[in-house]
Amino acid sequence: MSQNSHGLEPVTIIINARPHTWEAKEITFEQVVDLAYPGQTPNDQDTYTVRYSRGHDGHGTGSLTASHSVHVKKGMIFDAYRTSRS
C-alpha cells in the first residue's frame, strides 16, 4: 500500500455501508456527513447524527458531533443519519 505525502497509509472506512479510502489520521463530523451525502448541501431544516464503531481502543464506539473529530482506523464503520424538519 502506498503512503501519502504525510507518511500515512490510506485505510478503508465504511460510511453508510459504502467503502471509502481515507488518508488522514482523523475524520471530522462534517467530513463524514459530506461523504455520506455527497453533493447535498446541509440546510437549516436538516439535522445530522453520526455514530461510529470499530474505532481505536477506549473509543471503539461512540457518537461524533459537529466540529469534532475522531482518530480513524482501518475497517472503522460510520453511520450518518439525516433528519429533516418539515
Protein backbone atom coordinates (compact mmCIF):
# COMPACT_ATOMS: atom_id res chain seq x y z
CA MET A 1 0.00 0.00 0.00
CA SER A 2 1.44 3.38 -0.89
CA GLN A 3 1.80 6.24 1.56
CA ASN A 4 0.50 9.76 1.08
CA SER A 5 2.53 12.96 1.48
CA HIS A 6 2.01 12.84 5.27
CA GLY A 7 3.58 9.38 5.50
CA LEU A 8 0.26 7.71 6.32
CA GLU A 9 -1.06 4.63 4.61
CA PRO A 10 -4.59 5.03 3.25
CA VAL A 11 -7.20 2.93 5.04
CA THR A 12 -10.67 1.82 4.05
CA ILE A 13 -13.51 3.05 6.23
CA ILE A 14 -17.21 2.32 5.80
CA ILE A 15 -19.75 5.17 5.75
CA ASN A 16 -23.41 4.22 5.42
CA ALA A 17 -22.41 0.76 4.12
CA ARG A 18 -20.12 2.21 1.40
CA PRO A 19 -16.33 1.83 1.46
CA HIS A 20 -14.20 4.98 1.29
CA THR A 21 -10.42 5.36 1.20
CA TRP A 22 -9.19 7.77 3.86
CA GLU A 23 -5.65 9.15 4.07
CA ALA A 24 -5.67 11.23 7.28
CA LYS A 25 -5.28 10.31 10.95
CA GLU A 26 -8.65 11.82 11.83
CA ILE A 27 -12.01 12.48 10.26
CA THR A 28 -14.42 15.24 11.27
CA PHE A 29 -18.18 15.14 11.68
CA GLU A 30 -18.52 17.40 8.66
CA GLN A 31 -16.32 15.15 6.50
CA VAL A 32 -18.37 12.07 7.41
CA VAL A 33 -21.61 13.90 6.55
CA ASP A 34 -20.13 15.09 3.24
CA LEU A 35 -19.10 11.54 2.30
CA ALA A 36 -22.44 10.11 3.41
CA TYR A 37 -24.48 12.67 1.47
CA PRO A 38 -22.28 13.81 -1.44
CA GLY A 39 -23.42 16.87 -3.33
CA GLN A 40 -26.16 17.67 -0.83
CA THR A 41 -25.67 21.00 0.88
CA PRO A 42 -26.84 20.92 4.52
CA ASN A 43 -29.52 23.45 5.36
CA ASP A 44 -31.30 24.71 8.49
CA GLN A 45 -34.02 22.08 8.06
CA ASP A 46 -31.57 19.15 8.30
CA THR A 47 -30.12 17.62 11.46
CA TYR A 48 -27.35 15.02 11.25
CA THR A 49 -26.38 12.27 13.68
CA VAL A 50 -23.09 10.38 13.23
CA ARG A 51 -22.28 7.19 15.11
CA TYR A 52 -19.19 5.04 14.71
CA SER A 53 -17.95 1.59 15.69
CA ARG A 54 -14.76 -0.48 15.40
CA GLY A 55 -12.65 2.51 16.48
CA HIS A 56 -9.43 2.59 18.48
CA ASP A 57 -9.12 1.10 21.96
CA GLY A 58 -11.11 3.06 24.51
CA HIS A 59 -13.08 4.75 21.73
CA GLY A 60 -14.43 1.69 19.93
CA THR A 61 -17.95 3.05 19.63
CA GLY A 62 -19.45 6.46 20.05
CA SER A 63 -21.06 9.50 18.53
CA LEU A 64 -19.40 12.25 16.59
CA THR A 65 -20.77 15.77 16.94
CA ALA A 66 -20.38 18.93 14.87
CA SER A 67 -16.89 20.47 14.87
CA HIS A 68 -15.34 17.33 16.44
CA SER A 69 -13.17 14.56 15.01
CA VAL A 70 -12.14 11.01 15.79
CA HIS A 71 -8.98 9.01 15.03
CA VAL A 72 -9.51 6.73 12.04
CA LYS A 73 -8.76 3.01 11.99
CA LYS A 74 -8.88 0.52 9.11
CA GLY A 75 -12.35 -1.01 8.88
CA MET A 76 -13.98 1.65 11.07
CA ILE A 77 -17.72 1.97 10.46
CA PHE A 78 -19.69 5.23 10.42
CA ASP A 79 -23.46 5.60 10.22
CA ALA A 80 -24.73 9.07 9.33
CA TYR A 81 -28.43 9.83 9.65
CA ARG A 82 -30.22 12.89 8.32
CA THR A 83 -33.46 14.10 9.82
CA SER A 84 -35.39 16.86 8.02
CA ARG A 85 -37.91 19.12 9.72
CA SER A 86 -40.94 19.96 7.71
